[in-house]
Amino acid sequence: MTSLTQPKLVTVFGGSGFVGRHIVRALARRGYRIRVAVRRPDLAVHLQPLGGVGQIMAVQANLRNRDSVDRAVQGADYVVNCVGILFQSGRNTFESVQDFGARAVAEAARAAGAGLTHISAIGADADSESVYASSKGRAEASILKILPDAVILRPSIIFGPEDGFFNKFAEMARFFPALPLVGGGKTRFQPVYVGDVAEAVARSVEGKLKGGMIYELGGPRVMSFRECLEEILEITQRKRTLVPLPWSIASLIGTIGGLVPFVEPPLTADQVVLLKTDNVVSAAAADEGRTLAGIGIPQTTVEAILPTYLTRYRVHGQYSGTGREA
């Protein structure tokens, strides 16, 4: 009698979040069994319809608690870490989540004999003046020391239905007569679709990406901060003034916003530091094929996706006319 081979078990840390749920979907479609490691398993029930009965299971884990990380990885064949924060609050600091937490996951994966894919970010640099970017850079170095065959993915800003960038400014445009152009709006981004990032992760789990490499993921279009806001206003049919905001004033606003505990600020001082550097795929990564195109994934355009979820910010939602109305 021939025994049935079970699909690989993949543990996904942060699988209930914006990027994580798309990763879970991509893995489920490939038949993997998925263990979603989250702080609140009771808030991860929305993942169940993404797979078959019993294919996706949520377990409790906190990156600050090493024992819980070890338990979540035990028995897994592969591990994906897509946990990340954009601002610090309480015990959730960049150091505890993006540095210590990432190292804990890598050490647990090594102990379990599992492979690892880690989601970092373009701009990760241990020597960066940004606390966010420096924590990402330190994590990358630690991970590759612990697991030399780990795959690291650095996306630019990620767009998709639940993103925190385009949705944030579209929401602001509903209530404010003007939108801020931090530093004049010249910072360049290379927005990448969340589905493309998830596909890259799935291919790494399949072993189609070379281990020990850092891949930089960007979309087909490089856009300035101003162009991003203009795209939002075009789709949402809003007439809003774009006001240049000097770095000094932006830093002051960010500092004040960061003083409010447990509330997501519209801008932090550390984010202002990040905005001083372009967030695009490097020439080296492009030349060496460490990009979406280099691994054979077609890049999805912002024009194809943004209208599918930003139309809800129009005056009358998706039923608004074709002209700007407010």
Protein backbone atom coordinates (compact mmCIF):
# COMPACT_ATOMS: atom_id res chain seq x y z
CA MET A 1 0.00 0.00 0.00
CA THR A 2 1.41 3.36 -1.02
CA SER A 3 1.50 5.99 1.76
CA LEU A 4 0.35 9.47 1.04
CA THR A 5 2.98 12.18 1.36
CA GLN A 6 1.79 15.14 3.41
CA PRO A 7 2.34 18.63 2.01
CA LYS A 8 5.09 20.64 3.64
CA LEU A 9 4.24 22.52 6.81
CA VAL A 10 5.04 26.24 6.66
CA THR A 11 4.93 28.50 9.71
CA VAL A 12 4.11 32.10 8.84
CA PHE A 13 4.79 34.71 11.51
CA GLY A 14 2.47 37.68 11.10
CA GLY A 15 0.24 35.74 8.73
CA SER A 16 -2.93 37.59 9.75
CA GLY A 17 -1.65 41.02 8.69
CA PHE A 18 -1.84 42.88 5.39
CA VAL A 19 1.09 41.16 3.69
CA GLY A 20 0.75 37.94 5.69
CA ARG A 21 -2.75 37.07 4.53
CA HIS A 22 -1.68 37.29 0.89
CA ILE A 23 1.29 35.04 1.64
CA VAL A 24 -1.03 32.53 3.33
CA ARG A 25 -3.30 32.58 0.27
CA ALA A 26 -0.40 32.01 -2.13
CA LEU A 27 0.90 29.10 -0.06
CA ALA A 28 -2.55 27.57 0.40
CA ARG A 29 -3.11 27.54 -3.35
CA ARG A 30 0.08 25.50 -3.68
CA GLY A 31 -1.21 22.91 -1.23
CA TYR A 32 1.02 23.65 1.75
CA ARG A 33 -0.21 23.15 5.29
CA ILE A 34 0.11 26.49 7.04
CA ARG A 35 0.62 27.32 10.70
CA VAL A 36 -0.08 31.02 11.23
CA ALA A 37 1.83 32.35 14.23
CA VAL A 38 0.12 35.43 15.69
CA ARG A 39 -0.30 37.11 19.04
CA ARG A 40 -4.11 36.75 18.92
CA PRO A 41 -5.21 33.53 17.16
CA ASP A 42 -8.85 34.45 17.82
CA LEU A 43 -8.39 37.43 15.46
CA ALA A 44 -7.07 35.26 12.62
CA VAL A 45 -10.27 33.40 11.74
CA HIS A 46 -10.56 35.41 8.51
CA LEU A 47 -7.74 33.26 7.11
CA GLN A 48 -9.73 30.01 7.21
CA PRO A 49 -11.57 30.51 3.89
CA LEU A 50 -8.22 30.93 2.10
CA GLY A 51 -7.58 27.18 2.27
CA GLY A 52 -9.26 23.83 2.64
CA VAL A 53 -10.60 22.33 5.85
CA GLY A 54 -7.75 21.94 8.34
CA GLN A 55 -5.16 23.40 5.95
CA ILE A 56 -4.64 26.65 7.89
CA MET A 57 -4.22 26.72 11.66
CA ALA A 58 -3.54 29.74 13.85
CA VAL A 59 -1.27 29.38 16.89
CA GLN A 60 -0.23 31.85 19.56
CA ALA A 61 3.25 33.34 19.34
CA ASN A 62 4.90 36.58 20.33
CA LEU A 63 8.32 37.51 18.94
CA ARG A 64 9.28 38.89 22.33
CA ASN A 65 8.67 35.45 23.89
CA ARG A 66 11.29 32.99 22.65
CA ASP A 67 9.48 29.89 23.96
CA SER A 68 6.37 30.74 21.96
CA VAL A 69 8.49 31.24 18.83
CA ASP A 70 10.12 27.83 19.30
CA ARG A 71 6.74 26.14 19.74
CA ALA A 72 5.35 27.78 16.60
CA VAL A 73 8.30 26.57 14.51
CA GLN A 74 8.54 23.04 15.94
CA GLY A 75 7.95 20.46 13.21
CA ALA A 76 7.80 23.02 10.39
CA ASP A 77 9.63 22.46 7.12
CA TYR A 78 9.83 26.15 6.28
CA VAL A 79 9.36 29.46 8.08
CA VAL A 80 8.28 32.85 6.78
CA ASN A 81 8.64 35.98 8.90
CA CYS A 82 6.64 38.97 7.70
CA VAL A 83 6.24 40.71 11.06
CA GLY A 84 7.04 44.40 10.98
CA ILE A 85 5.91 47.65 12.58
CA LEU A 86 5.91 51.19 11.23
CA PHE A 87 5.97 52.97 14.57
CA GLN A 88 6.94 52.10 18.13
CA SER A 89 4.39 51.78 20.90
CA GLY A 90 4.82 50.43 24.40
CA ARG A 91 6.87 47.23 24.34
CA ASN A 92 6.56 46.93 20.58
CA THR A 93 9.79 48.65 19.67
CA PHE A 94 11.81 48.33 16.47
CA GLU A 95 14.53 46.59 18.46
CA SER A 96 12.25 44.05 20.12
CA VAL A 97 10.16 43.20 17.04
CA GLN A 98 12.38 43.76 14.02
CA ASP A 99 15.78 42.93 15.51
CA PHE A 100 15.44 40.63 18.53
CA GLY A 101 12.25 39.05 17.16
CA ALA A 102 13.74 38.37 13.74
CA ARG A 103 16.80 36.76 15.32
CA ALA A 104 14.57 34.57 17.51
CA VAL A 105 12.70 33.31 14.44
CA ALA A 106 15.96 32.57 12.60
CA GLU A 107 17.40 30.68 15.58
CA ALA A 108 14.18 28.68 15.95
CA ALA A 109 14.19 27.83 12.24
CA ARG A 110 17.81 26.67 12.47
CA ALA A 111 17.03 24.49 15.48
CA ALA A 112 14.10 22.92 13.60
CA GLY A 113 16.14 22.37 10.44
CA ALA A 114 13.70 24.57 8.51
CA GLY A 115 14.33 27.04 5.72
CA LEU A 116 13.57 30.73 6.19
CA THR A 117 12.30 33.66 4.17
CA HIS A 118 12.41 37.04 5.90
CA ILE A 119 10.54 40.16 4.78
CA SER A 120 12.75 43.20 5.26
CA ALA A 121 12.51 46.55 3.45
CA ILE A 122 14.38 48.58 0.85
CA GLY A 123 16.60 50.95 2.76
CA ALA A 124 17.50 48.45 5.48
CA ASP A 125 20.90 49.53 6.77
CA ALA A 126 22.45 48.90 10.16
CA ASP A 127 24.19 52.30 9.92
CA SER A 128 21.07 54.26 8.95
CA GLU A 129 20.04 57.30 10.97
CA SER A 130 16.52 55.87 10.94
CA VAL A 131 15.81 53.56 13.88
CA TYR A 132 13.41 51.57 11.67
CA ALA A 133 15.94 51.06 8.87
CA SER A 134 18.82 50.30 11.23
CA SER A 135 16.79 47.62 13.05
CA LYS A 136 15.95 46.04 9.68
CA GLY A 137 19.62 46.13 8.67
CA ARG A 138 20.83 44.55 11.91
CA ALA A 139 18.20 41.83 11.55
CA GLU A 140 19.35 40.98 8.02
CA ALA A 141 22.96 40.62 9.15
CA SER A 142 21.99 38.44 12.10
CA ILE A 143 19.72 36.22 10.01
CA LEU A 144 22.35 35.52 7.37
CA LYS A 145 24.87 34.71 10.11
CA ILE A 146 22.45 32.30 11.78
CA LEU A 147 21.07 30.82 8.53
CA PRO A 148 23.41 31.56 5.58
CA ASP A 149 20.87 30.04 3.17
CA ALA A 150 17.99 32.27 4.27
CA VAL A 151 16.16 34.31 1.63
CA ILE A 152 15.64 38.01 2.38
CA LEU A 153 13.10 40.07 0.46
CA ARG A 154 13.23 43.87 0.52
CA PRO A 155 10.05 45.40 -0.89
CA SER A 156 9.48 49.08 -1.58
CA ILE A 157 6.18 50.48 -0.27
CA ILE A 158 3.55 47.77 -0.72
CA PHE A 159 0.14 48.57 -2.16
CA GLY A 160 -3.04 46.54 -2.01
CA PRO A 161 -6.58 46.70 -0.56
CA GLU A 162 -5.46 46.96 3.07
CA ASP A 163 -2.25 48.99 2.61
CA GLY A 164 -1.22 51.68 5.05
CA PHE A 165 0.11 54.19 2.52
CA PHE A 166 -2.36 54.90 -0.26
CA ASN A 167 -5.34 54.27 2.03
CA LYS A 168 -3.95 56.66 4.64
CA PHE A 169 -3.64 59.61 2.27
CA ALA A 170 -6.93 58.82 0.54
CA GLU A 171 -8.58 58.92 3.94
CA MET A 172 -6.87 62.23 4.76
CA ALA A 173 -8.16 63.69 1.48
CA ARG A 174 -11.71 63.01 2.64
CA PHE A 175 -11.43 65.42 5.56
CA PHE A 176 -8.63 67.90 4.89
CA PRO A 177 -8.43 70.60 2.19
CA ALA A 178 -4.71 70.00 1.68
CA LEU A 179 -2.19 67.16 1.74
CA PRO A 180 1.42 67.53 2.91
CA LEU A 181 4.36 67.12 0.56
CA VAL A 182 7.00 66.18 3.11
CA GLY A 183 10.35 67.60 2.00
CA GLY A 184 8.71 68.96 -1.12
CA GLY A 185 7.40 65.57 -2.27
CA LYS A 186 10.53 64.62 -4.20
CA THR A 187 11.24 61.29 -2.47
CA ARG A 188 10.95 58.46 -4.98
CA PHE A 189 9.15 55.17 -4.38
CA GLN A 190 8.68 52.05 -6.45
CA PRO A 191 5.30 50.74 -5.23
CA VAL A 192 5.02 46.96 -5.39
CA TYR A 193 1.78 44.99 -5.38
CA VAL A 194 1.21 42.81 -2.32
CA GLY A 195 0.24 39.87 -4.52
CA ASP A 196 3.61 40.03 -6.27
CA VAL A 197 5.42 40.05 -2.91
CA ALA A 198 3.38 37.02 -1.82
CA GLU A 199 4.26 35.24 -5.06
CA ALA A 200 7.97 35.88 -4.44
CA VAL A 201 7.61 34.40 -0.95
CA ALA A 202 5.80 31.33 -2.29
CA ARG A 203 8.53 30.75 -4.87
CA SER A 204 11.17 31.00 -2.16
CA VAL A 205 9.35 28.33 -0.16
CA GLU A 206 9.34 26.17 -3.29
CA GLY A 207 13.11 26.57 -3.48
CA LYS A 208 13.06 28.62 -6.68
CA LEU A 209 15.01 31.52 -5.16
CA LYS A 210 18.69 31.20 -4.36
CA GLY A 211 19.44 31.10 -0.65
CA GLY A 212 21.72 33.58 1.06
CA MET A 213 20.55 36.35 -1.25
CA ILE A 214 18.82 39.70 -0.70
CA TYR A 215 16.15 40.45 -3.31
CA GLU A 216 14.74 43.94 -3.85
CA LEU A 217 11.11 44.07 -4.90
CA GLY A 218 9.65 47.06 -6.72
CA GLY A 219 6.89 47.62 -9.22
CA PRO A 220 7.28 48.73 -12.84
CA ARG A 221 6.88 52.44 -12.09
CA VAL A 222 9.04 54.76 -10.01
CA MET A 223 6.88 57.52 -8.51
CA SER A 224 7.72 60.60 -6.50
CA PHE A 225 5.81 61.30 -3.30
CA ARG A 226 3.98 64.06 -5.20
CA GLU A 227 3.04 61.68 -8.00
CA CYS A 228 1.67 59.19 -5.48
CA LEU A 229 -0.60 61.83 -3.98
CA GLU A 230 -1.65 63.06 -7.42
CA GLU A 231 -2.57 59.48 -8.36
CA ILE A 232 -4.68 59.19 -5.22
CA LEU A 233 -6.51 62.45 -5.93
CA GLU A 234 -7.11 61.43 -9.55
CA ILE A 235 -8.68 58.11 -8.56
CA THR A 236 -10.70 59.49 -5.64
CA GLN A 237 -11.83 62.50 -7.71
CA ARG A 238 -10.81 64.95 -5.00
CA LYS A 239 -9.51 68.47 -5.45
CA ARG A 240 -6.92 69.07 -2.78
CA THR A 241 -3.98 71.44 -2.50
CA LEU A 242 -0.58 69.83 -2.18
CA VAL A 243 1.40 71.88 0.33
CA PRO A 244 5.21 71.52 0.56
CA LEU A 245 6.23 70.73 4.14
CA PRO A 246 9.87 71.55 5.01
CA TRP A 247 11.88 68.83 6.68
CA SER A 248 12.22 70.80 9.91
CA ILE A 249 8.47 71.30 10.32
CA ALA A 250 7.76 67.70 9.34
CA SER A 251 10.22 66.50 11.99
CA LEU A 252 8.54 68.66 14.62
CA ILE A 253 5.11 67.33 13.71
CA GLY A 254 6.47 63.79 13.77
CA THR A 255 8.05 64.28 17.18
CA ILE A 256 4.80 65.59 18.64
CA GLY A 257 2.78 62.81 17.02
CA GLY A 258 5.11 60.19 18.44
CA LEU A 259 4.45 61.36 22.00
CA VAL A 260 0.89 60.01 21.97
CA PRO A 261 1.08 56.42 23.30
CA PHE A 262 -0.77 53.46 21.72
CA VAL A 263 -2.17 55.59 18.87
CA GLU A 264 -0.88 55.37 15.32
CA PRO A 265 0.46 58.84 14.48
CA PRO A 266 -0.02 60.23 10.97
CA LEU A 267 3.73 60.85 10.85
CA THR A 268 6.70 60.10 13.11
CA ALA A 269 10.10 61.75 13.33
CA ASP A 270 11.70 58.46 12.25
CA GLN A 271 9.48 58.28 9.16
CA VAL A 272 10.62 61.77 8.23
CA VAL A 273 14.21 60.51 8.33
CA LEU A 274 13.22 57.61 6.06
CA LEU A 275 11.60 59.99 3.58
CA LYS A 276 14.94 61.72 3.02
CA THR A 277 16.14 58.67 1.07
CA ASP A 278 14.63 57.25 -2.13
CA ASN A 279 12.89 53.91 -1.71
CA VAL A 280 13.65 52.23 -5.03
CA VAL A 281 15.35 49.07 -6.29
CA SER A 282 19.12 49.52 -6.50
CA ALA A 283 21.00 49.31 -9.76
CA ALA A 284 23.05 46.43 -8.35
CA ALA A 285 19.96 44.36 -7.58
CA ALA A 286 18.56 45.03 -11.06
CA ASP A 287 21.84 44.12 -12.78
CA GLU A 288 22.18 40.90 -10.78
CA GLY A 289 18.57 39.81 -11.30
CA ARG A 290 17.64 40.11 -7.64
CA THR A 291 14.27 41.65 -8.52
CA LEU A 292 10.74 40.55 -9.42
CA ALA A 293 11.64 40.60 -13.11
CA GLY A 294 14.82 38.70 -12.38
CA ILE A 295 12.90 35.82 -10.77
CA GLY A 296 10.25 35.80 -13.49
CA ILE A 297 7.35 37.51 -11.74
CA PRO A 298 5.44 40.07 -13.88
CA GLN A 299 5.20 43.42 -12.08
CA THR A 300 1.65 44.55 -11.41
CA THR A 301 1.00 48.25 -12.08
CA VAL A 302 -0.55 50.72 -9.67
CA GLU A 303 -2.94 51.76 -12.44
CA ALA A 304 -4.39 48.24 -12.53
CA ILE A 305 -4.95 47.88 -8.79
CA LEU A 306 -5.40 51.23 -7.02
CA PRO A 307 -8.81 52.00 -8.62
CA THR A 308 -10.15 48.66 -7.35
CA TYR A 309 -10.02 49.84 -3.74
CA LEU A 310 -9.52 53.62 -3.68
CA THR A 311 -12.85 54.39 -5.37
CA ARG A 312 -14.52 53.95 -1.99
CA TYR A 313 -12.98 57.28 -0.98
CA ARG A 314 -14.91 59.17 -3.65
CA VAL A 315 -17.79 61.41 -2.54
CA HIS A 316 -20.35 58.82 -3.59
CA GLY A 317 -18.05 55.84 -3.53
CA GLN A 318 -17.77 53.66 -6.60
CA TYR A 319 -20.96 55.20 -7.99
CA SER A 320 -19.41 58.65 -8.38
CA GLY A 321 -19.19 60.17 -11.85
CA THR A 322 -16.04 60.48 -13.88
CA GLY A 323 -15.24 64.07 -12.98
CA ARG A 324 -13.74 65.38 -9.77
CA GLU A 325 -16.55 66.23 -7.39
CA ALA A 326 -15.09 67.62 -4.20
